[in-house]
Amino acid sequence: MCAAEPFAHPALFYRGIQEYVAGTVPFIEEGLAAGEPVAVAVPASNFWPLRAELGASAERVRFTDMSRAGRNPGRIIPKVLRGFADAYPAERVRIIGEPIWPARTPAEYPACVQHEALVNKAFRGRNVTILCPYDAVRLNAGWLADAYTTHPVVVVDGRAERSTTYDADGAVSAFNELLVPPPWAVVFTFDIDRLSGARDLAVELAKRLGLTGERLDDFSLAATELTTNSVQHGGGSGTVSVWGDGTQIMCEVRDRGWLRDPLAGRRPPPPDKPGGRGLLMVHNLADLVRIHTGPEGTTVRFHM
C-alpha cells in the first residue's frame, strides 16, 4: 500500500489485557482528539477494559459486540464497518474491528480470513483506518501468520512493521475452498419449473431437522434467494443440499455460474439499481456463509 493511500488496515498483536489496552486506547483517544468518528467492534468481553480506561470518553465511541454482529464474517463489511463509515462520508473514520477470536470455529475461519483480505478492497481509497486486534497468546500460529497475509502492516510489541507476506488477493484465493456436502445430506436438483418445489422441499427438511418460527422463515428466504439466483444467473438450474449436525442446519446451493466479484453480497447495492441484494440478504440472515466459486461453478453454503 503506497504512502498516498488514505486507507490503513493494521493488525495489532497483543498478549493479555495490558497490551490490548496499550495498543487500542491511544488509537481511540487520538481519533477523538481530532474530532474523528470512532467505533469499536470487538467481542463484548473486551469492552470493559477499554471503557474503564477511556472513562467518560467512552460515551463518544460506538461499541458493537462483534461476536453477535459479526458472527457471520460475511456481514461485517456491509453491516458493521461500512454501516459506520458510510455515515461519515466527508470525515476520516477510525474503527477497531476484531473479527477473529479464540472461540472461532474451523468452519468459520476461512470466511474470517477472506473477510480480512476483502476489507482492503472494500475500503481502498477511503479515509478510514481499521485496526484489527489479534490475541497472540490464544490464537494458533497459523492464524497469526495469516494476519500478515491480510494486513499490510502488523504491530508487534508496540512497533509497526510492514508485512513482507501481504497478499490479500492470494488469501481470498487460498480460502476459496471446495465445498462438498456430507454423504447423509439430502440432495435434489431444480430448474425454473421446479424452483418453488425445491424451496418447499428445502424448508420442509429444515423443519424436520428442528428449525422453527422466525429462523425457519429466515431459512426459507435464504433458500429462495439462492435458488432464484441460480436460475437467473447460474445457468438456469442447480442442486440444493440440506443436512444437520444436531446443533445447526446447513443448506448448500450449487450451480454453473461464476461469482467473479469477490465483494458480491458484502457491499450495499446502489440505490438506483434493482437487484443485487440476494446474497447480501443471505449474509444478513445466516450465522455463517461459505462460498466456493470458479469457472466450474459456484457453491453457496449457509448455516443456521
C-alpha atoms as a PDB file:
ATOM      1  CA  MET A   1       0.000   0.000   0.000  1.00  0.00           C
ATOM      2  CA  CYS A   2       1.562   3.260  -1.109  1.00  0.00           C
ATOM      3  CA  ALA A   3       2.145   6.219   1.187  1.00  0.00           C
ATOM      4  CA  ALA A   4      -0.591   8.222  -0.580  1.00  0.00           C
ATOM      5  CA  GLU A   5      -3.240   5.607   0.191  1.00  0.00           C
ATOM      6  CA  PRO A   6      -5.650   7.181   2.729  1.00  0.00           C
ATOM      7  CA  PHE A   7      -6.934   3.796   3.895  1.00  0.00           C
ATOM      8  CA  ALA A   8      -4.962   1.958   6.592  1.00  0.00           C
ATOM      9  CA  HIS A   9      -5.531  -1.579   7.873  1.00  0.00           C
ATOM     10  CA  PRO A  10      -3.007  -2.612  10.550  1.00  0.00           C
ATOM     11  CA  ALA A  11      -3.186  -5.778  12.636  1.00  0.00           C
ATOM     12  CA  LEU A  12      -2.360  -5.420  16.347  1.00  0.00           C
ATOM     13  CA  PHE A  13      -0.830  -8.451  18.052  1.00  0.00           C
ATOM     14  CA  TYR A  14      -1.480  -8.338  21.781  1.00  0.00           C
ATOM     15  CA  ARG A  15      -0.584 -10.556  24.726  1.00  0.00           C
ATOM     16  CA  GLY A  16      -3.026 -10.019  27.561  1.00  0.00           C
ATOM     17  CA  ILE A  17      -5.271  -7.152  28.605  1.00  0.00           C
ATOM     18  CA  GLN A  18      -2.457  -4.706  29.322  1.00  0.00           C
ATOM     19  CA  GLU A  19      -1.133  -4.865  25.768  1.00  0.00           C
ATOM     20  CA  TYR A  20      -4.681  -4.827  24.416  1.00  0.00           C
ATOM     21  CA  VAL A  21      -5.406  -1.551  26.202  1.00  0.00           C
ATOM     22  CA  ALA A  22      -1.997  -0.059  25.357  1.00  0.00           C
ATOM     23  CA  GLY A  23      -2.493  -0.799  21.671  1.00  0.00           C
ATOM     24  CA  THR A  24      -6.093   0.348  21.308  1.00  0.00           C
ATOM     25  CA  VAL A  25      -6.868   3.172  23.727  1.00  0.00           C
ATOM     26  CA  PRO A  26      -4.308   5.664  22.298  1.00  0.00           C
ATOM     27  CA  PHE A  27      -5.718   4.918  18.836  1.00  0.00           C
ATOM     28  CA  ILE A  28      -9.199   5.774  20.131  1.00  0.00           C
ATOM     29  CA  GLU A  29      -8.097   8.863  22.036  1.00  0.00           C
ATOM     30  CA  GLU A  30      -6.150  10.254  19.075  1.00  0.00           C
ATOM     31  CA  GLY A  31      -9.249   9.932  16.928  1.00  0.00           C
ATOM     32  CA  LEU A  32     -11.497  11.598  19.488  1.00  0.00           C
ATOM     33  CA  ALA A  33      -8.988  14.432  19.963  1.00  0.00           C
ATOM     34  CA  ALA A  34      -9.005  15.028  16.196  1.00  0.00           C
ATOM     35  CA  GLY A  35     -12.790  15.057  16.108  1.00  0.00           C
ATOM     36  CA  GLU A  36     -12.957  11.816  14.139  1.00  0.00           C
ATOM     37  CA  PRO A  37     -15.864   9.363  14.493  1.00  0.00           C
ATOM     38  CA  VAL A  38     -14.643   6.237  16.328  1.00  0.00           C
ATOM     39  CA  ALA A  39     -16.223   2.784  16.543  1.00  0.00           C
ATOM     40  CA  VAL A  40     -15.110  -0.328  18.437  1.00  0.00           C
ATOM     41  CA  ALA A  41     -16.418  -3.662  17.157  1.00  0.00           C
ATOM     42  CA  VAL A  42     -14.922  -6.416  19.318  1.00  0.00           C
ATOM     43  CA  PRO A  43     -16.278  -9.310  21.391  1.00  0.00           C
ATOM     44  CA  ALA A  44     -18.254  -7.919  24.320  1.00  0.00           C
ATOM     45  CA  SER A  45     -15.809  -9.446  26.819  1.00  0.00           C
ATOM     46  CA  ASN A  46     -13.219  -6.935  25.580  1.00  0.00           C
ATOM     47  CA  PHE A  47     -15.450  -3.897  26.145  1.00  0.00           C
ATOM     48  CA  TRP A  48     -14.788  -3.438  29.852  1.00  0.00           C
ATOM     49  CA  PRO A  49     -11.012  -2.742  29.837  1.00  0.00           C
ATOM     50  CA  LEU A  50     -11.466  -0.171  27.094  1.00  0.00           C
ATOM     51  CA  ARG A  51     -14.419   1.529  28.783  1.00  0.00           C
ATOM     52  CA  ALA A  52     -12.569   1.588  32.114  1.00  0.00           C
ATOM     53  CA  GLU A  53      -9.502   3.217  30.587  1.00  0.00           C
ATOM     54  CA  LEU A  54     -11.459   5.696  28.458  1.00  0.00           C
ATOM     55  CA  GLY A  55     -13.702   6.840  31.309  1.00  0.00           C
ATOM     56  CA  ALA A  56     -16.234   9.449  30.231  1.00  0.00           C
ATOM     57  CA  SER A  57     -14.765   9.480  26.710  1.00  0.00           C
ATOM     58  CA  ALA A  58     -16.255   6.016  26.149  1.00  0.00           C
ATOM     59  CA  GLU A  59     -19.627   7.701  25.630  1.00  0.00           C
ATOM     60  CA  ARG A  60     -18.288   9.227  22.421  1.00  0.00           C
ATOM     61  CA  VAL A  61     -17.399   5.822  20.961  1.00  0.00           C
ATOM     62  CA  ARG A  62     -19.823   3.432  19.269  1.00  0.00           C
ATOM     63  CA  PHE A  63     -19.364  -0.054  20.746  1.00  0.00           C
ATOM     64  CA  THR A  64     -20.611  -3.129  18.869  1.00  0.00           C
ATOM     65  CA  ASP A  65     -20.447  -6.732  20.064  1.00  0.00           C
ATOM     66  CA  MET A  66     -18.605  -8.380  17.182  1.00  0.00           C
ATOM     67  CA  SER A  67     -19.419 -11.872  18.456  1.00  0.00           C
ATOM     68  CA  ARG A  68     -23.067 -11.124  17.607  1.00  0.00           C
ATOM     69  CA  ALA A  69     -22.953  -8.575  14.780  1.00  0.00           C
ATOM     70  CA  GLY A  70     -20.069 -10.375  13.096  1.00  0.00           C
ATOM     71  CA  ARG A  71     -20.907 -13.982  13.872  1.00  0.00           C
ATOM     72  CA  ASN A  72     -21.165 -14.429  10.120  1.00  0.00           C
ATOM     73  CA  PRO A  73     -17.952 -12.801   8.834  1.00  0.00           C
ATOM     74  CA  GLY A  74     -19.685 -12.044   5.537  1.00  0.00           C
ATOM     75  CA  ARG A  75     -21.830  -9.331   7.073  1.00  0.00           C
ATOM     76  CA  ILE A  76     -19.027  -7.457   8.869  1.00  0.00           C
ATOM     77  CA  ILE A  77     -18.107  -5.244   5.918  1.00  0.00           C
ATOM     78  CA  PRO A  78     -21.641  -4.133   4.950  1.00  0.00           C
ATOM     79  CA  LYS A  79     -23.289  -4.080   8.397  1.00  0.00           C
ATOM     80  CA  VAL A  80     -20.515  -3.228  10.851  1.00  0.00           C
ATOM     81  CA  LEU A  81     -17.702  -1.431   9.027  1.00  0.00           C
ATOM     82  CA  ARG A  82     -19.485   0.324   6.166  1.00  0.00           C
ATOM     83  CA  GLY A  83     -22.554   0.664   8.358  1.00  0.00           C
ATOM     84  CA  PHE A  84     -20.461   3.045  10.450  1.00  0.00           C
ATOM     85  CA  ALA A  85     -18.046   4.562   7.927  1.00  0.00           C
ATOM     86  CA  ASP A  86     -20.706   5.386   5.332  1.00  0.00           C
ATOM     87  CA  ALA A  87     -22.484   7.585   7.878  1.00  0.00           C
ATOM     88  CA  TYR A  88     -19.471   9.955   7.759  1.00  0.00           C
ATOM     89  CA  PRO A  89     -18.537  10.220   4.063  1.00  0.00           C
ATOM     90  CA  ALA A  90     -16.704  13.534   4.436  1.00  0.00           C
ATOM     91  CA  GLU A  91     -14.665  12.664   7.553  1.00  0.00           C
ATOM     92  CA  ARG A  92     -11.766  10.415   8.450  1.00  0.00           C
ATOM     93  CA  VAL A  93     -13.120   7.484  10.441  1.00  0.00           C
ATOM     94  CA  ARG A  94     -11.396   5.144  12.908  1.00  0.00           C
ATOM     95  CA  ILE A  95     -12.628   1.649  13.642  1.00  0.00           C
ATOM     96  CA  ILE A  96     -11.284  -1.126  15.837  1.00  0.00           C
ATOM     97  CA  GLY A  97     -12.537  -4.411  14.437  1.00  0.00           C
ATOM     98  CA  GLU A  98     -11.733  -7.810  15.969  1.00  0.00           C
ATOM     99  CA  PRO A  99     -13.288 -10.428  13.662  1.00  0.00           C
ATOM    100  CA  ILE A 100     -11.103 -13.375  14.764  1.00  0.00           C
ATOM    101  CA  TRP A 101     -11.104 -14.562  18.370  1.00  0.00           C
ATOM    102  CA  PRO A 102     -10.180 -17.902  20.005  1.00  0.00           C
ATOM    103  CA  ALA A 103     -13.758 -19.263  20.006  1.00  0.00           C
ATOM    104  CA  ARG A 104     -13.985 -19.034  16.224  1.00  0.00           C
ATOM    105  CA  THR A 105     -14.590 -22.497  14.753  1.00  0.00           C
ATOM    106  CA  PRO A 106     -12.681 -24.203  11.922  1.00  0.00           C
ATOM    107  CA  ALA A 107     -15.812 -23.873   9.770  1.00  0.00           C
ATOM    108  CA  GLU A 108     -15.926 -20.103  10.351  1.00  0.00           C
ATOM    109  CA  TYR A 109     -12.214 -19.426   9.973  1.00  0.00           C
ATOM    110  CA  PRO A 110     -11.878 -19.492   6.142  1.00  0.00           C
ATOM    111  CA  ALA A 111     -14.668 -16.907   5.888  1.00  0.00           C
ATOM    112  CA  CYS A 112     -12.862 -14.803   8.516  1.00  0.00           C
ATOM    113  CA  VAL A 113      -9.624 -14.749   6.511  1.00  0.00           C
ATOM    114  CA  GLN A 114     -11.449 -13.854   3.321  1.00  0.00           C
ATOM    115  CA  HIS A 115     -13.238 -11.064   5.190  1.00  0.00           C
ATOM    116  CA  GLU A 116      -9.955  -9.601   6.442  1.00  0.00           C
ATOM    117  CA  ALA A 117      -8.475  -9.773   2.954  1.00  0.00           C
ATOM    118  CA  LEU A 118     -11.514  -8.177   1.325  1.00  0.00           C
ATOM    119  CA  VAL A 119     -11.514  -5.251   3.769  1.00  0.00           C
ATOM    120  CA  ASN A 120      -8.530  -3.911   1.802  1.00  0.00           C
ATOM    121  CA  LYS A 121     -10.503  -3.944  -1.446  1.00  0.00           C
ATOM    122  CA  ALA A 122     -13.727  -2.662   0.108  1.00  0.00           C
ATOM    123  CA  PHE A 123     -12.103   0.456   1.629  1.00  0.00           C
ATOM    124  CA  ARG A 124      -9.334   1.219  -0.852  1.00  0.00           C
ATOM    125  CA  GLY A 125      -9.067   4.971  -1.357  1.00  0.00           C
ATOM    126  CA  ARG A 126     -11.261   5.883   1.619  1.00  0.00           C
ATOM    127  CA  ASN A 127     -10.298   7.985   4.643  1.00  0.00           C
ATOM    128  CA  VAL A 128     -10.709   5.100   7.047  1.00  0.00           C
ATOM    129  CA  THR A 129      -8.353   3.314   9.446  1.00  0.00           C
ATOM    130  CA  ILE A 130      -9.386  -0.142  10.650  1.00  0.00           C
ATOM    131  CA  LEU A 131      -7.214  -1.574  13.438  1.00  0.00           C
ATOM    132  CA  CYS A 132      -7.635  -5.337  13.942  1.00  0.00           C
ATOM    133  CA  PRO A 133      -6.515  -6.830  17.285  1.00  0.00           C
ATOM    134  CA  TYR A 134      -5.208 -10.431  17.293  1.00  0.00           C
ATOM    135  CA  ASP A 135      -4.745 -12.407  20.519  1.00  0.00           C
ATOM    136  CA  ALA A 136      -1.132 -13.554  20.104  1.00  0.00           C
ATOM    137  CA  VAL A 137      -1.391 -15.920  23.093  1.00  0.00           C
ATOM    138  CA  ARG A 138      -4.604 -17.835  22.410  1.00  0.00           C
ATOM    139  CA  LEU A 139      -4.772 -17.847  18.600  1.00  0.00           C
ATOM    140  CA  ASN A 140      -2.771 -20.565  16.882  1.00  0.00           C
ATOM    141  CA  ALA A 141       0.377 -19.790  14.928  1.00  0.00           C
ATOM    142  CA  GLY A 142      -1.241 -20.425  11.555  1.00  0.00           C
ATOM    143  CA  TRP A 143      -3.981 -17.884  12.232  1.00  0.00           C
ATOM    144  CA  LEU A 144      -1.396 -15.301  13.286  1.00  0.00           C
ATOM    145  CA  ALA A 145       0.622 -15.978  10.138  1.00  0.00           C
ATOM    146  CA  ASP A 146      -2.494 -15.361   8.057  1.00  0.00           C
ATOM    147  CA  ALA A 147      -2.821 -11.908   9.654  1.00  0.00           C
ATOM    148  CA  TYR A 148       0.439 -10.957   7.927  1.00  0.00           C
ATOM    149  CA  THR A 149      -1.110 -12.030   4.621  1.00  0.00           C
ATOM    150  CA  THR A 150      -4.297  -9.981   5.053  1.00  0.00           C
ATOM    151  CA  HIS A 151      -2.815  -6.830   6.636  1.00  0.00           C
ATOM    152  CA  PRO A 152      -0.198  -4.598   5.001  1.00  0.00           C
ATOM    153  CA  VAL A 153       1.082  -3.506   8.435  1.00  0.00           C
ATOM    154  CA  VAL A 154       1.371  -5.509  11.670  1.00  0.00           C
ATOM    155  CA  VAL A 155       2.010  -4.001  15.113  1.00  0.00           C
ATOM    156  CA  VAL A 156       4.101  -6.278  17.361  1.00  0.00           C
ATOM    157  CA  ASP A 157       5.473  -5.226  20.773  1.00  0.00           C
ATOM    158  CA  GLY A 158       4.210  -1.716  20.105  1.00  0.00           C
ATOM    159  CA  ARG A 159       6.191  -1.369  16.859  1.00  0.00           C
ATOM    160  CA  ALA A 160       4.572  -1.169  13.436  1.00  0.00           C
ATOM    161  CA  GLU A 161       6.239  -3.165  10.685  1.00  0.00           C
ATOM    162  CA  ARG A 162       5.302  -3.624   7.054  1.00  0.00           C
ATOM    163  CA  SER A 163       4.278  -7.171   6.295  1.00  0.00           C
ATOM    164  CA  THR A 164       6.581  -8.897   3.826  1.00  0.00           C
ATOM    165  CA  THR A 165       3.946 -11.586   3.128  1.00  0.00           C
ATOM    166  CA  TYR A 166       0.970  -9.299   2.497  1.00  0.00           C
ATOM    167  CA  ASP A 167      -1.129 -10.760  -0.316  1.00  0.00           C
ATOM    168  CA  ALA A 168      -4.826 -10.014   0.129  1.00  0.00           C
ATOM    169  CA  ASP A 169      -5.877 -11.401  -3.258  1.00  0.00           C
ATOM    170  CA  GLY A 170      -3.866 -14.533  -2.580  1.00  0.00           C
ATOM    171  CA  ALA A 171      -5.627 -15.003   0.755  1.00  0.00           C
ATOM    172  CA  VAL A 172      -9.042 -14.788  -0.899  1.00  0.00           C
ATOM    173  CA  SER A 173      -7.982 -17.427  -3.417  1.00  0.00           C
ATOM    174  CA  ALA A 174      -6.312 -19.684  -0.851  1.00  0.00           C
ATOM    175  CA  PHE A 175      -9.500 -19.911   1.214  1.00  0.00           C
ATOM    176  CA  ASN A 176     -11.793 -20.333  -1.787  1.00  0.00           C
ATOM    177  CA  GLU A 177     -12.135 -23.903  -0.573  1.00  0.00           C
ATOM    178  CA  LEU A 178     -14.114 -26.635  -2.309  1.00  0.00           C
ATOM    179  CA  LEU A 179     -17.397 -27.313  -0.507  1.00  0.00           C
ATOM    180  CA  VAL A 180     -18.825 -30.840  -0.574  1.00  0.00           C
ATOM    181  CA  PRO A 181     -21.975 -31.891   1.311  1.00  0.00           C
ATOM    182  CA  PRO A 182     -21.678 -34.938   3.600  1.00  0.00           C
ATOM    183  CA  PRO A 183     -22.981 -38.340   2.440  1.00  0.00           C
ATOM    184  CA  TRP A 184     -26.111 -38.022   4.604  1.00  0.00           C
ATOM    185  CA  ALA A 185     -27.238 -34.732   3.024  1.00  0.00           C
ATOM    186  CA  VAL A 186     -30.488 -34.759   1.071  1.00  0.00           C
ATOM    187  CA  VAL A 187     -29.675 -33.535  -2.455  1.00  0.00           C
ATOM    188  CA  PHE A 188     -32.131 -32.611  -5.190  1.00  0.00           C
ATOM    189  CA  THR A 189     -31.984 -30.726  -8.482  1.00  0.00           C
ATOM    190  CA  PHE A 190     -34.075 -27.807  -9.700  1.00  0.00           C
ATOM    191  CA  ASP A 191     -34.675 -25.596 -12.715  1.00  0.00           C
ATOM    192  CA  ILE A 192     -37.188 -22.838 -13.400  1.00  0.00           C
ATOM    193  CA  ASP A 193     -40.084 -25.311 -13.493  1.00  0.00           C
ATOM    194  CA  ARG A 194     -39.089 -26.927 -10.178  1.00  0.00           C
ATOM    195  CA  LEU A 195     -37.966 -23.767  -8.405  1.00  0.00           C
ATOM    196  CA  SER A 196     -40.862 -23.424  -5.962  1.00  0.00           C
ATOM    197  CA  GLY A 197     -40.841 -27.169  -5.290  1.00  0.00           C
ATOM    198  CA  ALA A 198     -37.127 -27.062  -4.453  1.00  0.00           C
ATOM    199  CA  ARG A 199     -37.679 -24.230  -1.980  1.00  0.00           C
ATOM    200  CA  ASP A 200     -40.618 -26.000  -0.354  1.00  0.00           C
ATOM    201  CA  LEU A 201     -38.680 -29.268  -0.020  1.00  0.00           C
ATOM    202  CA  ALA A 202     -35.660 -27.497   1.496  1.00  0.00           C
ATOM    203  CA  VAL A 203     -37.872 -25.725   4.037  1.00  0.00           C
ATOM    204  CA  GLU A 204     -39.677 -28.953   4.919  1.00  0.00           C
ATOM    205  CA  LEU A 205     -36.353 -30.709   5.507  1.00  0.00           C
ATOM    206  CA  ALA A 206     -35.122 -27.836   7.703  1.00  0.00           C
ATOM    207  CA  LYS A 207     -38.350 -28.047   9.700  1.00  0.00           C
ATOM    208  CA  ARG A 208     -37.899 -31.791  10.229  1.00  0.00           C
ATOM    209  CA  LEU A 209     -34.337 -31.131  11.381  1.00  0.00           C
ATOM    210  CA  GLY A 210     -35.558 -28.744  14.088  1.00  0.00           C
ATOM    211  CA  LEU A 211     -35.807 -25.195  12.703  1.00  0.00           C
ATOM    212  CA  THR A 212     -38.969 -23.382  13.769  1.00  0.00           C
ATOM    213  CA  GLY A 213     -40.552 -19.944  13.851  1.00  0.00           C
ATOM    214  CA  GLU A 214     -38.535 -16.942  12.749  1.00  0.00           C
ATOM    215  CA  ARG A 215     -35.419 -18.955  11.945  1.00  0.00           C
ATOM    216  CA  LEU A 216     -37.416 -21.244   9.667  1.00  0.00           C
ATOM    217  CA  ASP A 217     -38.742 -18.146   7.890  1.00  0.00           C
ATOM    218  CA  ASP A 218     -35.165 -16.858   7.553  1.00  0.00           C
ATOM    219  CA  PHE A 219     -34.095 -20.223   6.131  1.00  0.00           C
ATOM    220  CA  SER A 220     -36.921 -20.048   3.581  1.00  0.00           C
ATOM    221  CA  LEU A 221     -35.894 -16.542   2.477  1.00  0.00           C
ATOM    222  CA  ALA A 222     -32.234 -17.513   2.113  1.00  0.00           C
ATOM    223  CA  ALA A 223     -33.008 -20.701   0.186  1.00  0.00           C
ATOM    224  CA  THR A 224     -35.395 -18.795  -2.080  1.00  0.00           C
ATOM    225  CA  GLU A 225     -32.817 -16.098  -2.864  1.00  0.00           C
ATOM    226  CA  LEU A 226     -30.057 -18.583  -3.683  1.00  0.00           C
ATOM    227  CA  THR A 227     -32.135 -20.896  -5.847  1.00  0.00           C
ATOM    228  CA  THR A 228     -33.648 -17.931  -7.702  1.00  0.00           C
ATOM    229  CA  ASN A 229     -30.155 -16.540  -8.316  1.00  0.00           C
ATOM    230  CA  SER A 230     -29.120 -19.910  -9.749  1.00  0.00           C
ATOM    231  CA  VAL A 231     -31.994 -19.880 -12.237  1.00  0.00           C
ATOM    232  CA  GLN A 232     -31.418 -16.228 -13.202  1.00  0.00           C
ATOM    233  CA  HIS A 233     -27.623 -16.008 -13.154  1.00  0.00           C
ATOM    234  CA  GLY A 234     -26.210 -19.517 -12.638  1.00  0.00           C
ATOM    235  CA  GLY A 235     -27.082 -21.305 -15.833  1.00  0.00           C
ATOM    236  CA  GLY A 236     -30.789 -21.867 -15.244  1.00  0.00           C
ATOM    237  CA  SER A 237     -30.547 -24.843 -12.901  1.00  0.00           C
ATOM    238  CA  GLY A 238     -28.748 -26.168  -9.846  1.00  0.00           C
ATOM    239  CA  THR A 239     -28.787 -28.504  -6.882  1.00  0.00           C
ATOM    240  CA  VAL A 240     -29.815 -27.983  -3.278  1.00  0.00           C
ATOM    241  CA  SER A 241     -28.380 -29.960  -0.362  1.00  0.00           C
ATOM    242  CA  VAL A 242     -29.770 -29.840   3.185  1.00  0.00           C
ATOM    243  CA  TRP A 243     -28.441 -31.525   6.331  1.00  0.00           C
ATOM    244  CA  GLY A 244     -27.998 -31.000  10.061  1.00  0.00           C
ATOM    245  CA  ASP A 245     -25.462 -31.879  12.736  1.00  0.00           C
ATOM    246  CA  GLY A 246     -27.656 -31.658  15.822  1.00  0.00           C
ATOM    247  CA  THR A 247     -26.860 -28.006  16.560  1.00  0.00           C
ATOM    248  CA  GLN A 248     -27.339 -26.257  13.218  1.00  0.00           C
ATOM    249  CA  ILE A 249     -28.860 -26.728   9.782  1.00  0.00           C
ATOM    250  CA  MET A 250     -26.829 -26.350   6.588  1.00  0.00           C
ATOM    251  CA  CYS A 251     -28.195 -25.592   3.128  1.00  0.00           C
ATOM    252  CA  GLU A 252     -25.986 -25.572   0.050  1.00  0.00           C
ATOM    253  CA  VAL A 253     -26.931 -24.354  -3.424  1.00  0.00           C
ATOM    254  CA  ARG A 254     -24.698 -25.263  -6.350  1.00  0.00           C
ATOM    255  CA  ASP A 255     -24.921 -24.035  -9.968  1.00  0.00           C
ATOM    256  CA  ARG A 256     -22.824 -23.422 -13.095  1.00  0.00           C
ATOM    257  CA  GLY A 257     -22.343 -19.689 -12.570  1.00  0.00           C
ATOM    258  CA  TRP A 258     -19.063 -17.961 -11.697  1.00  0.00           C
ATOM    259  CA  LEU A 259     -19.187 -15.285  -8.996  1.00  0.00           C
ATOM    260  CA  ARG A 260     -16.426 -13.057 -10.309  1.00  0.00           C
ATOM    261  CA  ASP A 261     -16.886 -10.160  -7.863  1.00  0.00           C
ATOM    262  CA  PRO A 262     -15.358 -11.179  -4.506  1.00  0.00           C
ATOM    263  CA  LEU A 263     -17.284  -8.380  -2.777  1.00  0.00           C
ATOM    264  CA  ALA A 264     -20.660  -9.586  -4.038  1.00  0.00           C
ATOM    265  CA  GLY A 265     -23.037  -9.649  -1.082  1.00  0.00           C
ATOM    266  CA  ARG A 266     -20.618  -7.612   1.026  1.00  0.00           C
ATOM    267  CA  ARG A 267     -21.432  -4.104  -0.170  1.00  0.00           C
ATOM    268  CA  PRO A 268     -24.675  -2.149  -0.132  1.00  0.00           C
ATOM    269  CA  PRO A 269     -26.113  -2.194  -3.681  1.00  0.00           C
ATOM    270  CA  PRO A 270     -26.546   1.131  -5.495  1.00  0.00           C
ATOM    271  CA  PRO A 271     -29.958   2.531  -4.524  1.00  0.00           C
ATOM    272  CA  ASP A 272     -30.751   3.368  -8.160  1.00  0.00           C
ATOM    273  CA  LYS A 273     -30.251  -0.208  -9.429  1.00  0.00           C
ATOM    274  CA  PRO A 274     -32.695  -3.062  -8.897  1.00  0.00           C
ATOM    275  CA  GLY A 275     -31.414  -6.463  -7.851  1.00  0.00           C
ATOM    276  CA  GLY A 276     -28.038  -7.272  -6.360  1.00  0.00           C
ATOM    277  CA  ARG A 277     -29.495  -7.767  -2.896  1.00  0.00           C
ATOM    278  CA  GLY A 278     -29.993 -11.545  -2.755  1.00  0.00           C
ATOM    279  CA  LEU A 279     -26.574 -12.620  -1.480  1.00  0.00           C
ATOM    280  CA  LEU A 280     -26.447  -9.616   0.847  1.00  0.00           C
ATOM    281  CA  MET A 281     -29.748 -10.792   2.345  1.00  0.00           C
ATOM    282  CA  VAL A 282     -28.384 -14.314   2.805  1.00  0.00           C
ATOM    283  CA  HIS A 283     -25.347 -12.928   4.645  1.00  0.00           C
ATOM    284  CA  ASN A 284     -27.641 -10.901   6.908  1.00  0.00           C
ATOM    285  CA  LEU A 285     -29.900 -13.862   7.705  1.00  0.00           C
ATOM    286  CA  ALA A 286     -27.400 -16.694   8.219  1.00  0.00           C
ATOM    287  CA  ASP A 287     -24.996 -17.436  11.062  1.00  0.00           C
ATOM    288  CA  LEU A 288     -22.291 -18.383   8.573  1.00  0.00           C
ATOM    289  CA  VAL A 289     -21.965 -18.250   4.789  1.00  0.00           C
ATOM    290  CA  ARG A 290     -19.246 -20.081   2.879  1.00  0.00           C
ATOM    291  CA  ILE A 291     -18.701 -19.650  -0.861  1.00  0.00           C
ATOM    292  CA  HIS A 292     -16.646 -21.542  -3.402  1.00  0.00           C
ATOM    293  CA  THR A 293     -16.594 -20.139  -6.917  1.00  0.00           C
ATOM    294  CA  GLY A 294     -14.667 -20.595 -10.141  1.00  0.00           C
ATOM    295  CA  PRO A 295     -15.094 -21.349 -13.848  1.00  0.00           C
ATOM    296  CA  GLU A 296     -16.535 -24.761 -12.946  1.00  0.00           C
ATOM    297  CA  GLY A 297     -19.394 -23.198 -10.969  1.00  0.00           C
ATOM    298  CA  THR A 298     -20.405 -21.684  -7.636  1.00  0.00           C
ATOM    299  CA  THR A 299     -21.467 -23.217  -4.345  1.00  0.00           C
ATOM    300  CA  VAL A 300     -23.019 -21.139  -1.558  1.00  0.00           C
ATOM    301  CA  ARG A 301     -23.487 -22.822   1.818  1.00  0.00           C
ATOM    302  CA  PHE A 302     -25.306 -21.156   4.689  1.00  0.00           C
ATOM    303  CA  HIS A 303     -25.625 -22.262   8.323  1.00  0.00           C
ATOM    304  CA  MET A 304     -28.486 -21.622  10.747  1.00  0.00           C
END
